[in-house]
Amino acid sequence: MSIHENLLGGPAPTHLPDDPEPREALAAGTDPAEVAAKYPTSSLAWARLADDAFEAGQPVASYAYARTGYHRGLDSLRRSGWKGHGPVPWEHEPNRGFLRALHALARAAHAIGEDAEYERCATFLRDSSATAADTLG
């Protein structure tokens, strides 16, 4: 038995590769739009744009930004071996951009009355990382 074997029988957690440049740029106060333009595959940059738009009372723009970050994250997850289900741990910092975009998508969907999308995204977030759902919720 390997020390990395999942004893619960489910898929192993997916850990996205680290991409520190966009995270560091955002932490330094760079405008998220500039970060997204320079690093368009960064789910974290799109999630920050979604958060900013939502806070500004623009749920439709928030939805669009969050959906972009979500799809960029799905692409990254698939490249990392994710098969459409299984844990995406919040504890692994590079996963947080995707999880934040997924949370932002659920929040914006709820705000614009997309109830089925809200439920799907909220369930997906909780199934991916209960810690993320609790932290972001």
C-alpha atoms as a PDB file:
ATOM      1  CA  MET A   1       0.000   0.000   0.000  1.00  0.00           C
ATOM      2  CA  SER A   2       1.298   3.438  -0.954  1.00  0.00           C
ATOM      3  CA  ILE A   3       1.408   6.174   1.675  1.00  0.00           C
ATOM      4  CA  HIS A   4      -0.477   8.353  -0.822  1.00  0.00           C
ATOM      5  CA  GLU A   5      -3.350   5.889  -1.309  1.00  0.00           C
ATOM      6  CA  ASN A   6      -6.793   7.279  -0.510  1.00  0.00           C
ATOM      7  CA  LEU A   7      -8.173   4.878   2.097  1.00  0.00           C
ATOM      8  CA  LEU A   8     -11.714   6.235   1.685  1.00  0.00           C
ATOM      9  CA  GLY A   9     -11.870   4.955  -1.882  1.00  0.00           C
ATOM     10  CA  GLY A  10     -12.541   8.299  -3.537  1.00  0.00           C
ATOM     11  CA  PRO A  11     -10.330  10.273  -5.880  1.00  0.00           C
ATOM     12  CA  ALA A  12      -7.184  11.819  -4.506  1.00  0.00           C
ATOM     13  CA  PRO A  13      -7.298  15.554  -3.767  1.00  0.00           C
ATOM     14  CA  THR A  14      -6.369  17.790  -6.677  1.00  0.00           C
ATOM     15  CA  HIS A  15      -3.612  20.301  -6.031  1.00  0.00           C
ATOM     16  CA  LEU A  16      -3.221  22.984  -8.675  1.00  0.00           C
ATOM     17  CA  PRO A  17       0.320  24.081  -9.494  1.00  0.00           C
ATOM     18  CA  ASP A  18       1.475  27.241  -7.805  1.00  0.00           C
ATOM     19  CA  ASP A  19       1.291  30.426  -9.855  1.00  0.00           C
ATOM     20  CA  PRO A  20       2.586  33.070  -7.432  1.00  0.00           C
ATOM     21  CA  GLU A  21       2.857  36.060  -9.788  1.00  0.00           C
ATOM     22  CA  PRO A  22      -0.859  36.984  -9.934  1.00  0.00           C
ATOM     23  CA  ARG A  23      -1.302  36.301  -6.209  1.00  0.00           C
ATOM     24  CA  GLU A  24       1.674  38.503  -5.361  1.00  0.00           C
ATOM     25  CA  ALA A  25       0.503  41.277  -7.709  1.00  0.00           C
ATOM     26  CA  LEU A  26      -2.940  41.293  -6.087  1.00  0.00           C
ATOM     27  CA  ALA A  27      -1.406  41.261  -2.596  1.00  0.00           C
ATOM     28  CA  ALA A  28       0.711  44.260  -3.589  1.00  0.00           C
ATOM     29  CA  GLY A  29      -2.438  46.197  -4.500  1.00  0.00           C
ATOM     30  CA  THR A  30      -2.331  45.913  -8.283  1.00  0.00           C
ATOM     31  CA  ASP A  31      -5.747  46.496  -9.866  1.00  0.00           C
ATOM     32  CA  PRO A  32      -7.378  43.077 -10.434  1.00  0.00           C
ATOM     33  CA  ALA A  33      -8.246  44.119 -14.020  1.00  0.00           C
ATOM     34  CA  GLU A  34      -4.538  44.650 -14.731  1.00  0.00           C
ATOM     35  CA  VAL A  35      -3.715  41.293 -13.153  1.00  0.00           C
ATOM     36  CA  ALA A  36      -6.417  39.502 -15.166  1.00  0.00           C
ATOM     37  CA  ALA A  37      -5.160  41.127 -18.368  1.00  0.00           C
ATOM     38  CA  LYS A  38      -1.570  40.088 -17.657  1.00  0.00           C
ATOM     39  CA  TYR A  39      -2.465  36.638 -16.270  1.00  0.00           C
ATOM     40  CA  PRO A  40      -5.780  35.707 -17.944  1.00  0.00           C
ATOM     41  CA  THR A  41      -5.626  32.103 -16.718  1.00  0.00           C
ATOM     42  CA  SER A  42      -5.603  33.234 -13.068  1.00  0.00           C
ATOM     43  CA  SER A  43      -8.874  32.278 -11.406  1.00  0.00           C
ATOM     44  CA  LEU A  44      -7.847  34.396  -8.434  1.00  0.00           C
ATOM     45  CA  ALA A  45      -7.707  37.590 -10.520  1.00  0.00           C
ATOM     46  CA  TRP A  46     -11.167  36.893 -11.981  1.00  0.00           C
ATOM     47  CA  ALA A  47     -12.536  36.067  -8.523  1.00  0.00           C
ATOM     48  CA  ARG A  48     -11.244  39.399  -7.210  1.00  0.00           C
ATOM     49  CA  LEU A  49     -12.915  41.197 -10.128  1.00  0.00           C
ATOM     50  CA  ALA A  50     -16.133  39.341  -9.289  1.00  0.00           C
ATOM     51  CA  ASP A  51     -15.860  40.338  -5.630  1.00  0.00           C
ATOM     52  CA  ASP A  52     -15.246  43.982  -6.508  1.00  0.00           C
ATOM     53  CA  ALA A  53     -18.182  44.089  -8.930  1.00  0.00           C
ATOM     54  CA  PHE A  54     -20.489  42.431  -6.399  1.00  0.00           C
ATOM     55  CA  GLU A  55     -19.467  44.889  -3.689  1.00  0.00           C
ATOM     56  CA  ALA A  56     -20.153  47.737  -6.157  1.00  0.00           C
ATOM     57  CA  GLY A  57     -23.724  46.496  -6.647  1.00  0.00           C
ATOM     58  CA  GLN A  58     -23.097  44.986 -10.075  1.00  0.00           C
ATOM     59  CA  PRO A  59     -24.212  41.353  -9.778  1.00  0.00           C
ATOM     60  CA  VAL A  60     -24.355  40.745 -13.544  1.00  0.00           C
ATOM     61  CA  ALA A  61     -20.750  41.877 -14.003  1.00  0.00           C
ATOM     62  CA  SER A  62     -19.802  39.831 -10.940  1.00  0.00           C
ATOM     63  CA  TYR A  63     -21.463  36.793 -12.516  1.00  0.00           C
ATOM     64  CA  ALA A  64     -19.512  37.271 -15.755  1.00  0.00           C
ATOM     65  CA  TYR A  65     -16.166  37.691 -13.993  1.00  0.00           C
ATOM     66  CA  ALA A  66     -16.860  34.720 -11.702  1.00  0.00           C
ATOM     67  CA  ARG A  67     -17.880  32.502 -14.620  1.00  0.00           C
ATOM     68  CA  THR A  68     -14.615  33.342 -16.400  1.00  0.00           C
ATOM     69  CA  GLY A  69     -12.588  32.502 -13.282  1.00  0.00           C
ATOM     70  CA  TYR A  70     -14.574  29.315 -12.768  1.00  0.00           C
ATOM     71  CA  HIS A  71     -13.935  28.095 -16.326  1.00  0.00           C
ATOM     72  CA  ARG A  72     -10.251  29.029 -16.154  1.00  0.00           C
ATOM     73  CA  GLY A  73     -10.098  27.014 -12.933  1.00  0.00           C
ATOM     74  CA  LEU A  74     -11.839  24.003 -14.494  1.00  0.00           C
ATOM     75  CA  ASP A  75      -9.245  24.067 -17.276  1.00  0.00           C
ATOM     76  CA  SER A  76      -6.432  24.087 -14.692  1.00  0.00           C
ATOM     77  CA  LEU A  77      -8.042  21.319 -12.658  1.00  0.00           C
ATOM     78  CA  ARG A  78      -8.383  19.102 -15.725  1.00  0.00           C
ATOM     79  CA  ARG A  79      -4.744  19.716 -16.672  1.00  0.00           C
ATOM     80  CA  SER A  80      -3.861  18.627 -13.110  1.00  0.00           C
ATOM     81  CA  GLY A  81      -5.639  15.284 -13.497  1.00  0.00           C
ATOM     82  CA  TRP A  82      -9.037  16.131 -11.986  1.00  0.00           C
ATOM     83  CA  LYS A  83     -11.783  13.911 -13.450  1.00  0.00           C
ATOM     84  CA  GLY A  84     -14.830  16.042 -12.667  1.00  0.00           C
ATOM     85  CA  HIS A  85     -15.185  15.223  -8.991  1.00  0.00           C
ATOM     86  CA  GLY A  86     -13.196  14.843  -5.820  1.00  0.00           C
ATOM     87  CA  PRO A  87     -11.604  17.122  -3.264  1.00  0.00           C
ATOM     88  CA  VAL A  88     -10.029  20.447  -4.194  1.00  0.00           C
ATOM     89  CA  PRO A  89      -8.598  21.408  -0.800  1.00  0.00           C
ATOM     90  CA  TRP A  90      -8.782  25.031   0.367  1.00  0.00           C
ATOM     91  CA  GLU A  91      -5.695  24.310   2.458  1.00  0.00           C
ATOM     92  CA  HIS A  92      -3.618  24.174  -0.750  1.00  0.00           C
ATOM     93  CA  GLU A  93      -3.296  27.890  -1.511  1.00  0.00           C
ATOM     94  CA  PRO A  94      -3.110  27.580  -5.332  1.00  0.00           C
ATOM     95  CA  ASN A  95      -6.624  26.011  -5.244  1.00  0.00           C
ATOM     96  CA  ARG A  96      -8.110  29.098  -3.610  1.00  0.00           C
ATOM     97  CA  GLY A  97      -8.538  31.107  -6.811  1.00  0.00           C
ATOM     98  CA  PHE A  98     -10.790  28.442  -8.312  1.00  0.00           C
ATOM     99  CA  LEU A  99     -12.713  27.974  -5.071  1.00  0.00           C
ATOM    100  CA  ARG A 100     -13.189  31.728  -4.667  1.00  0.00           C
ATOM    101  CA  ALA A 101     -14.429  32.006  -8.267  1.00  0.00           C
ATOM    102  CA  LEU A 102     -16.856  29.137  -7.658  1.00  0.00           C
ATOM    103  CA  HIS A 103     -18.148  30.844  -4.507  1.00  0.00           C
ATOM    104  CA  ALA A 104     -18.471  34.167  -6.361  1.00  0.00           C
ATOM    105  CA  LEU A 105     -20.392  32.443  -9.157  1.00  0.00           C
ATOM    106  CA  ALA A 106     -22.834  30.922  -6.670  1.00  0.00           C
ATOM    107  CA  ARG A 107     -23.280  34.280  -4.911  1.00  0.00           C
ATOM    108  CA  ALA A 108     -23.882  36.208  -8.144  1.00  0.00           C
ATOM    109  CA  ALA A 109     -26.203  33.524  -9.522  1.00  0.00           C
ATOM    110  CA  HIS A 110     -28.277  33.779  -6.356  1.00  0.00           C
ATOM    111  CA  ALA A 111     -28.350  37.580  -6.646  1.00  0.00           C
ATOM    112  CA  ILE A 112     -29.707  37.494 -10.208  1.00  0.00           C
ATOM    113  CA  GLY A 113     -32.248  34.762  -9.532  1.00  0.00           C
ATOM    114  CA  GLU A 114     -30.431  31.868 -11.190  1.00  0.00           C
ATOM    115  CA  ASP A 115     -31.531  29.484  -8.450  1.00  0.00           C
ATOM    116  CA  ALA A 116     -30.535  26.223 -10.167  1.00  0.00           C
ATOM    117  CA  GLU A 117     -27.058  27.617 -10.917  1.00  0.00           C
ATOM    118  CA  TYR A 118     -26.756  28.858  -7.344  1.00  0.00           C
ATOM    119  CA  GLU A 119     -27.641  25.419  -5.938  1.00  0.00           C
ATOM    120  CA  ARG A 120     -25.300  23.617  -8.340  1.00  0.00           C
ATOM    121  CA  CYS A 121     -22.366  25.912  -7.545  1.00  0.00           C
ATOM    122  CA  ALA A 122     -22.980  25.929  -3.778  1.00  0.00           C
ATOM    123  CA  THR A 123     -23.114  22.115  -3.772  1.00  0.00           C
ATOM    124  CA  PHE A 124     -20.023  21.878  -5.983  1.00  0.00           C
ATOM    125  CA  LEU A 125     -18.144  24.210  -3.602  1.00  0.00           C
ATOM    126  CA  ARG A 126     -19.131  22.196  -0.516  1.00  0.00           C
ATOM    127  CA  ASP A 127     -18.301  18.904  -2.269  1.00  0.00           C
ATOM    128  CA  SER A 128     -14.915  20.259  -3.372  1.00  0.00           C
ATOM    129  CA  SER A 129     -13.951  21.776  -0.023  1.00  0.00           C
ATOM    130  CA  ALA A 130     -16.135  22.081   3.050  1.00  0.00           C
ATOM    131  CA  THR A 131     -13.447  24.361   4.488  1.00  0.00           C
ATOM    132  CA  ALA A 132     -13.792  26.728   1.517  1.00  0.00           C
ATOM    133  CA  ALA A 133     -17.582  26.723   1.782  1.00  0.00           C
ATOM    134  CA  ASP A 134     -17.370  27.544   5.494  1.00  0.00           C
ATOM    135  CA  THR A 135     -14.596  30.130   5.058  1.00  0.00           C
ATOM    136  CA  LEU A 136     -16.170  31.966   2.114  1.00  0.00           C
ATOM    137  CA  GLY A 137     -19.800  31.482   3.108  1.00  0.00           C
END
